[in-house]
Amino acid sequence: MRPTFRLGRIAGVDVGFHWSLLVFGALLVSSLAGGMLPDAVPQARGSYLSAAVLAVFLFFGSILAHELAHSIVARRQGQTVNGITLWLLGGVSELGSEAKTANDELRVAIAGPATSIALGGVFAALAFAFDAILPAGGLVPTVAWWLAIVNVALGLFNLLPGAPLDGGRVLAALHWKFRGDRRNAQISAARAGRVLGIVLIAGSVALILSGTGTFITALVGFFVLSASRREESTARLLRTLDGRTVGQLMRPLAGLPPEWTTVADFGPNAEPTLVAGWDGTPTALLLPGAVLAVPPASRSQVQLRALAVPLARFPRVRTDELATDVMEKGLPAIVEDAEGRPVGLFGFDELKIAARNDPVLARSAR
């Protein structure tokens, strides 16, 4: 999930939101101002619309606090955090590296729900205080009670045992801690998430047919189901990469043609190829299949320099680095030998080849 708008950095973490958050916010304001608040406080002093906007703003702030808790704990444990994105169904903390231990994974997972439940307690205390000091019929205590309920509900819902929810992370961390197999723990949590997604969808459909439900639960169920499948695939892929170096998985670089060589002279070579500058040193990389995309009629006019990507744009890694560590730096990456000479390419094609070692991934790729 990529943010449409960036809000800046909070506690050292990039924060943004997707445009779908605006749609959800408008729907939520409409629901609160047009139904829930008038029903709860029929003779209210003040504006239902203003109270609804305040409630939604604080609710989104609560979701951000939930995600910041994940990110801050992760950073304190040495993990990288790429950013936080708020969207239609909540928030996503994009962690750039994995936890080193099961206990670290557990702390990161539990931080978000604990923060939401704690915020629920704070808003409940404020609601009691507002009820005691403000005149009857005010909207502020009702908004505080609503925020208390939704924060506790958010924390408890996220603790349901299935990835990608926080409860799935807790389940995976405990499985990892007591069984000692990180990838199997992640796969089990993803499978639990698949079951949870199906249950949410089925339950939502049943409630809608009975006239008491909404489509939101079904939407959440579809998200959980889809994300759990992706997480299982990722865990299976990482299992095939564990303990293997990029030197074992890389695709060797071919040739060193001058950058002014035409595609016609170069030929239909689909291998990654270093391209040399005027002094004969490598300056750019011709990615696999780049020349095949050039129409036959243009191959005698197009030079390799027009197709090659400067080497400076690629991460540089050593042949003895673990493939799982290199994935965190970004792909594709140039692999260098002990003397710093580029000797191979490690990218998404190499991941697909490695995935063939997993029977489930191999079947899905057919």
Protein backbone atom coordinates (compact mmCIF):
# COMPACT_ATOMS: atom_id res chain seq x y z
CA MET A 1 0.00 0.00 0.00
CA ARG A 2 1.59 3.25 -1.17
CA PRO A 3 0.51 6.61 0.27
CA THR A 4 -1.25 9.10 -1.99
CA PHE A 5 -0.41 12.00 0.33
CA ARG A 6 2.53 12.36 2.69
CA LEU A 7 2.09 13.92 6.12
CA GLY A 8 5.78 14.11 7.05
CA ARG A 9 7.82 12.32 9.71
CA ILE A 10 6.64 11.45 13.20
CA ALA A 11 9.10 9.92 15.67
CA GLY A 12 11.46 9.43 12.75
CA VAL A 13 8.92 7.46 10.66
CA ASP A 14 7.50 8.62 7.32
CA VAL A 15 3.71 8.89 7.53
CA GLY A 16 1.20 9.21 4.72
CA PHE A 17 -2.32 8.22 3.79
CA HIS A 18 -4.06 6.65 0.83
CA TRP A 19 -6.94 8.46 -0.89
CA SER A 20 -9.33 5.73 0.29
CA LEU A 21 -8.98 7.10 3.83
CA LEU A 22 -10.78 10.27 2.70
CA VAL A 23 -13.67 8.22 1.34
CA PHE A 24 -13.92 6.21 4.56
CA GLY A 25 -13.71 9.38 6.63
CA ALA A 26 -16.55 11.02 4.68
CA LEU A 27 -18.74 7.93 5.08
CA LEU A 28 -17.97 7.73 8.79
CA VAL A 29 -18.72 11.42 9.37
CA SER A 30 -22.00 11.02 7.52
CA SER A 31 -22.94 7.99 9.60
CA LEU A 32 -22.10 9.65 12.90
CA ALA A 33 -23.67 13.04 12.14
CA GLY A 34 -26.72 11.61 10.43
CA GLY A 35 -27.52 8.69 12.70
CA MET A 36 -25.53 7.64 15.72
CA LEU A 37 -25.04 11.01 17.44
CA PRO A 38 -28.64 12.27 16.96
CA ASP A 39 -29.94 8.93 18.24
CA ALA A 40 -27.62 8.99 21.26
CA VAL A 41 -28.17 12.67 22.14
CA PRO A 42 -31.48 13.81 20.59
CA GLN A 43 -31.47 17.25 22.21
CA ALA A 44 -27.78 17.96 21.94
CA ARG A 45 -26.17 21.31 22.49
CA GLY A 46 -23.84 21.89 19.56
CA SER A 47 -23.34 20.70 16.03
CA TYR A 48 -23.62 17.00 15.17
CA LEU A 49 -21.43 17.57 12.12
CA SER A 50 -18.64 19.24 14.12
CA ALA A 51 -18.75 16.49 16.72
CA ALA A 52 -18.61 13.82 14.00
CA VAL A 53 -15.61 15.47 12.31
CA LEU A 54 -13.81 15.67 15.67
CA ALA A 55 -14.59 12.02 16.42
CA VAL A 56 -13.31 10.80 13.05
CA PHE A 57 -10.17 12.96 13.27
CA LEU A 58 -9.34 11.53 16.71
CA PHE A 59 -10.15 8.01 15.50
CA PHE A 60 -7.68 8.34 12.63
CA GLY A 61 -5.17 9.72 15.12
CA SER A 62 -5.74 6.61 17.24
CA ILE A 63 -5.05 4.35 14.25
CA LEU A 64 -1.85 6.30 13.62
CA ALA A 65 -0.84 5.83 17.27
CA HIS A 66 -1.47 2.09 16.87
CA GLU A 67 0.86 1.91 13.86
CA LEU A 68 3.47 4.18 15.43
CA ALA A 69 3.64 1.81 18.39
CA HIS A 70 4.54 -1.05 16.02
CA SER A 71 7.12 1.07 14.22
CA ILE A 72 8.78 2.58 17.29
CA VAL A 73 9.18 -0.79 19.00
CA ALA A 74 10.55 -2.28 15.77
CA ARG A 75 13.12 0.52 15.37
CA ARG A 76 14.26 0.17 18.98
CA GLN A 77 14.98 -3.49 18.25
CA GLY A 78 17.10 -2.66 15.21
CA GLN A 79 14.54 -3.23 12.48
CA THR A 80 14.17 -0.76 9.64
CA VAL A 81 10.83 0.95 9.09
CA ASN A 82 10.01 2.21 5.61
CA GLY A 83 6.90 4.13 6.64
CA ILE A 84 3.26 4.10 7.73
CA THR A 85 0.27 4.39 5.43
CA LEU A 86 -3.28 4.98 6.65
CA TRP A 87 -6.02 3.72 4.33
CA LEU A 88 -9.61 2.52 4.03
CA LEU A 89 -9.26 -0.43 6.42
CA GLY A 90 -6.89 1.07 8.96
CA GLY A 91 -3.14 1.41 8.80
CA VAL A 92 -0.07 -0.45 7.58
CA SER A 93 3.44 -0.26 9.05
CA GLU A 94 5.92 -1.26 6.36
CA LEU A 95 8.87 -2.91 8.09
CA GLY A 96 11.97 -3.13 5.94
CA SER A 97 13.60 -5.96 7.90
CA GLU A 98 12.53 -8.91 10.02
CA ALA A 99 12.75 -9.30 13.79
CA LYS A 100 15.86 -11.10 14.99
CA THR A 101 14.14 -13.23 17.64
CA ALA A 102 10.68 -14.55 18.45
CA ASN A 103 10.50 -12.28 21.49
CA ASP A 104 11.25 -9.25 19.31
CA GLU A 105 8.50 -10.32 16.90
CA LEU A 106 6.08 -10.71 19.80
CA ARG A 107 6.85 -7.26 21.20
CA VAL A 108 6.31 -5.58 17.83
CA ALA A 109 3.04 -7.46 17.26
CA ILE A 110 1.56 -6.72 20.66
CA ALA A 111 2.53 -3.03 20.74
CA GLY A 112 -0.28 -1.87 18.41
CA PRO A 113 -3.26 -3.62 20.09
CA ALA A 114 -1.92 -2.68 23.53
CA THR A 115 -1.80 0.97 22.46
CA SER A 116 -5.36 0.86 21.08
CA ILE A 117 -6.73 -0.75 24.24
CA ALA A 118 -4.84 1.77 26.39
CA LEU A 119 -6.30 4.63 24.33
CA GLY A 120 -9.73 3.09 24.86
CA GLY A 121 -9.15 3.32 28.61
CA VAL A 122 -8.02 6.95 28.32
CA PHE A 123 -11.10 7.95 26.32
CA ALA A 124 -13.36 6.08 28.75
CA ALA A 125 -11.82 8.02 31.65
CA LEU A 126 -12.33 11.27 29.75
CA ALA A 127 -15.95 10.31 29.07
CA PHE A 128 -16.58 9.80 32.81
CA ALA A 129 -14.92 13.14 33.55
CA PHE A 130 -16.90 15.00 30.88
CA ASP A 131 -20.15 13.45 32.12
CA ALA A 132 -19.34 14.74 35.61
CA ILE A 133 -18.33 18.31 34.78
CA LEU A 134 -20.31 19.20 31.62
CA PRO A 135 -24.02 20.00 31.47
CA ALA A 136 -26.33 17.18 30.35
CA GLY A 137 -27.03 16.92 26.64
CA GLY A 138 -23.48 17.62 25.48
CA LEU A 139 -21.89 15.80 22.57
CA VAL A 140 -18.35 15.67 23.96
CA PRO A 141 -18.96 12.80 26.43
CA THR A 142 -20.70 10.80 23.69
CA VAL A 143 -17.76 11.32 21.32
CA ALA A 144 -15.38 10.22 24.08
CA TRP A 145 -17.43 7.08 24.74
CA TRP A 146 -17.50 6.27 21.02
CA LEU A 147 -13.73 6.66 20.79
CA ALA A 148 -13.28 4.43 23.85
CA ILE A 149 -15.42 1.68 22.32
CA VAL A 150 -13.90 1.77 18.83
CA ASN A 151 -10.33 1.77 20.18
CA VAL A 152 -10.95 -1.24 22.40
CA ALA A 153 -12.76 -2.95 19.51
CA LEU A 154 -9.83 -2.13 17.19
CA GLY A 155 -7.32 -3.58 19.65
CA LEU A 156 -9.32 -6.76 20.26
CA PHE A 157 -10.12 -7.31 16.58
CA ASN A 158 -6.44 -7.01 15.68
CA LEU A 159 -5.68 -9.75 18.19
CA LEU A 160 -7.70 -12.32 16.23
CA PRO A 161 -5.29 -15.18 15.47
CA GLY A 162 -4.57 -14.92 11.77
CA ALA A 163 -2.08 -13.08 9.56
CA PRO A 164 -1.94 -10.28 8.51
CA LEU A 165 -3.64 -9.13 11.73
CA ASP A 166 -1.50 -8.49 14.78
CA GLY A 167 -2.94 -11.62 16.38
CA GLY A 168 -1.47 -13.58 13.50
CA ARG A 169 1.94 -12.05 14.27
CA VAL A 170 1.49 -13.03 17.93
CA LEU A 171 0.56 -16.56 16.85
CA ALA A 172 3.60 -16.78 14.56
CA ALA A 173 5.92 -15.42 17.27
CA LEU A 174 4.70 -17.95 19.84
CA HIS A 175 4.88 -20.80 17.34
CA TRP A 176 8.41 -19.73 16.43
CA LYS A 177 9.39 -19.39 20.10
CA PHE A 178 8.22 -22.85 21.15
CA ARG A 179 8.76 -24.83 17.93
CA GLY A 180 11.92 -23.09 16.69
CA ASP A 181 10.91 -22.87 13.03
CA ARG A 182 10.27 -19.30 11.94
CA ARG A 183 9.02 -19.98 8.41
CA ASN A 184 6.65 -22.77 9.41
CA ALA A 185 5.29 -20.43 12.08
CA GLN A 186 4.64 -17.75 9.47
CA ILE A 187 2.99 -20.24 7.13
CA SER A 188 0.75 -21.53 9.93
CA ALA A 189 -0.29 -17.98 10.86
CA ALA A 190 -1.06 -17.22 7.21
CA ARG A 191 -3.23 -20.34 6.95
CA ALA A 192 -5.06 -19.29 10.09
CA GLY A 193 -5.60 -15.90 8.44
CA ARG A 194 -7.13 -17.61 5.43
CA VAL A 195 -9.64 -19.38 7.67
CA LEU A 196 -10.34 -16.14 9.52
CA GLY A 197 -10.97 -14.29 6.25
CA ILE A 198 -13.46 -16.92 5.10
CA VAL A 199 -15.26 -16.78 8.46
CA LEU A 200 -15.50 -12.97 8.31
CA ILE A 201 -16.88 -13.05 4.76
CA ALA A 202 -19.40 -15.78 5.56
CA GLY A 203 -20.49 -14.07 8.76
CA SER A 204 -20.88 -10.73 6.99
CA VAL A 205 -22.97 -12.27 4.20
CA ALA A 206 -25.20 -13.96 6.77
CA LEU A 207 -25.72 -10.69 8.65
CA ILE A 208 -26.42 -8.76 5.44
CA LEU A 209 -29.04 -11.32 4.40
CA SER A 210 -30.65 -10.99 7.82
CA GLY A 211 -30.72 -7.21 7.45
CA THR A 212 -28.42 -6.47 10.38
CA GLY A 213 -24.96 -6.29 8.77
CA THR A 214 -22.91 -4.10 6.46
CA PHE A 215 -20.44 -4.76 3.67
CA ILE A 216 -17.49 -3.47 5.73
CA THR A 217 -16.95 -6.78 7.52
CA ALA A 218 -16.98 -8.63 4.20
CA LEU A 219 -14.47 -6.14 2.81
CA VAL A 220 -12.20 -6.74 5.80
CA GLY A 221 -12.61 -10.48 5.28
CA PHE A 222 -11.57 -10.23 1.63
CA PHE A 223 -8.53 -8.16 2.64
CA VAL A 224 -7.50 -10.70 5.31
CA LEU A 225 -8.01 -13.59 2.87
CA SER A 226 -5.98 -11.95 0.11
CA ALA A 227 -3.20 -10.73 2.40
CA SER A 228 -2.89 -14.09 4.13
CA ARG A 229 -2.29 -15.78 0.78
CA ARG A 230 0.44 -13.27 -0.05
CA GLU A 231 2.04 -13.77 3.35
CA GLU A 232 2.09 -17.54 2.95
CA SER A 233 3.73 -17.19 -0.47
CA THR A 234 6.32 -14.79 0.97
CA ALA A 235 7.09 -17.11 3.89
CA ARG A 236 7.48 -20.07 1.53
CA LEU A 237 9.81 -18.07 -0.69
CA LEU A 238 11.91 -16.95 2.28
CA ARG A 239 12.13 -20.57 3.42
CA THR A 240 13.68 -21.52 0.09
CA LEU A 241 16.20 -18.66 0.45
CA ASP A 242 17.19 -19.19 4.10
CA GLY A 243 20.89 -19.96 4.39
CA ARG A 244 21.60 -19.43 0.69
CA THR A 245 23.90 -16.70 -0.60
CA VAL A 246 23.35 -14.49 -3.62
CA GLY A 247 26.48 -16.02 -5.12
CA GLN A 248 24.61 -19.34 -5.25
CA LEU A 249 21.48 -17.82 -6.79
CA MET A 250 22.73 -15.00 -9.02
CA ARG A 251 22.68 -15.00 -12.81
CA PRO A 252 26.21 -14.45 -14.19
CA LEU A 253 26.76 -11.30 -16.24
CA ALA A 254 27.57 -11.82 -19.90
CA GLY A 255 30.10 -9.98 -22.12
CA LEU A 256 31.23 -6.38 -22.09
CA PRO A 257 30.13 -4.74 -25.37
CA PRO A 258 30.76 -1.01 -25.92
CA GLU A 259 27.79 1.19 -25.18
CA TRP A 260 27.62 2.41 -28.81
CA THR A 261 26.99 -1.13 -30.10
CA THR A 262 23.67 -1.36 -31.93
CA VAL A 263 21.04 -3.90 -30.99
CA ALA A 264 21.40 -5.48 -34.42
CA ASP A 265 25.14 -6.02 -33.91
CA PHE A 266 24.62 -7.22 -30.33
CA GLY A 267 22.09 -9.87 -31.33
CA PRO A 268 19.08 -11.39 -29.53
CA ASN A 269 20.87 -11.93 -26.21
CA ALA A 270 18.45 -12.21 -23.30
CA GLU A 271 21.10 -12.47 -20.55
CA PRO A 272 22.05 -9.59 -18.22
CA THR A 273 25.05 -7.87 -19.78
CA LEU A 274 27.53 -5.24 -18.63
CA VAL A 275 27.99 -2.35 -21.06
CA ALA A 276 31.37 -0.60 -21.29
CA GLY A 277 32.08 3.10 -21.68
CA TRP A 278 34.73 4.73 -23.87
CA ASP A 279 37.55 3.65 -21.54
CA GLY A 280 36.43 0.02 -21.48
CA THR A 281 35.17 0.00 -17.88
CA PRO A 282 31.62 -1.16 -17.05
CA THR A 283 29.20 1.77 -16.82
CA ALA A 284 25.73 0.27 -17.17
CA LEU A 285 23.74 -2.95 -17.13
CA LEU A 286 21.56 -4.33 -19.87
CA LEU A 287 18.72 -6.11 -18.07
CA PRO A 288 17.54 -9.53 -19.28
CA GLY A 289 15.42 -9.31 -22.41
CA ALA A 290 15.89 -5.55 -22.88
CA VAL A 291 17.03 -5.91 -26.49
CA LEU A 292 14.11 -8.19 -27.36
CA ALA A 293 11.69 -5.34 -26.74
CA VAL A 294 13.18 -3.29 -29.58
CA PRO A 295 11.20 -3.65 -32.86
CA PRO A 296 13.24 -5.46 -35.55
CA ALA A 297 13.05 -2.46 -37.90
CA SER A 298 14.76 -0.22 -35.29
CA ARG A 299 17.53 -2.54 -34.11
CA SER A 300 20.13 -1.18 -36.48
CA GLN A 301 19.60 2.39 -35.16
CA VAL A 302 19.18 1.78 -31.39
CA GLN A 303 22.40 1.61 -29.39
CA LEU A 304 22.83 -0.33 -26.16
CA ARG A 305 23.41 2.90 -24.21
CA ALA A 306 19.74 3.77 -24.81
CA LEU A 307 18.59 0.54 -23.16
CA ALA A 308 21.15 0.01 -20.39
CA VAL A 309 20.65 1.19 -16.79
CA PRO A 310 23.57 3.00 -15.08
CA LEU A 311 25.28 0.80 -12.48
CA ALA A 312 24.90 3.56 -9.88
CA ARG A 313 21.17 2.85 -9.71
CA PHE A 314 21.63 -0.69 -8.40
CA PRO A 315 22.44 -1.79 -4.87
CA ARG A 316 25.84 -3.49 -4.67
CA VAL A 317 26.15 -6.72 -2.69
CA ARG A 318 28.85 -9.33 -2.12
CA THR A 319 28.65 -12.92 -3.29
CA ASP A 320 28.67 -14.21 0.30
CA GLU A 321 25.71 -12.13 1.49
CA LEU A 322 22.55 -14.01 2.41
CA ALA A 323 19.75 -13.73 -0.12
CA THR A 324 17.21 -12.84 2.59
CA ASP A 325 19.38 -9.91 3.70
CA VAL A 326 19.82 -8.67 0.13
CA MET A 327 16.05 -8.65 -0.43
CA GLU A 328 15.79 -5.99 2.29
CA LYS A 329 18.19 -3.73 0.34
CA GLY A 330 16.06 -3.78 -2.79
CA LEU A 331 16.06 -5.76 -6.03
CA PRO A 332 17.54 -6.14 -8.54
CA ALA A 333 21.07 -5.95 -7.11
CA ILE A 334 24.53 -6.17 -8.68
CA VAL A 335 26.63 -8.94 -7.16
CA GLU A 336 30.36 -8.22 -6.80
CA ASP A 337 33.29 -10.52 -6.16
CA ALA A 338 35.94 -10.05 -3.47
CA GLU A 339 37.75 -7.48 -5.66
CA GLY A 340 34.59 -5.41 -6.16
CA ARG A 341 34.06 -6.46 -9.77
CA PRO A 342 30.43 -6.97 -10.88
CA VAL A 343 29.92 -10.66 -11.65
CA GLY A 344 26.21 -11.32 -11.40
CA LEU A 345 22.63 -10.09 -11.09
CA PHE A 346 20.24 -11.05 -8.30
CA GLY A 347 16.69 -9.98 -9.08
CA PHE A 348 13.09 -11.09 -9.30
CA ASP A 349 13.77 -13.73 -11.96
CA GLU A 350 16.25 -15.37 -9.61
CA LEU A 351 13.60 -15.36 -6.86
CA LYS A 352 11.19 -17.14 -9.21
CA ILE A 353 13.81 -19.78 -9.95
CA ALA A 354 14.47 -20.26 -6.22
CA ALA A 355 10.71 -20.56 -5.59
CA ARG A 356 10.65 -23.77 -7.62
CA ASN A 357 12.17 -25.51 -4.60
CA ASP A 358 8.84 -25.10 -2.80
CA PRO A 359 6.17 -27.48 -4.17
CA VAL A 360 3.28 -25.10 -3.45
CA LEU A 361 4.95 -22.12 -5.11
CA ALA A 362 6.04 -24.29 -8.03
CA ARG A 363 2.44 -25.42 -8.62
CA SER A 364 1.08 -21.87 -8.41
CA ALA A 365 3.63 -20.68 -11.00
CA ARG A 366 2.41 -23.15 -13.64
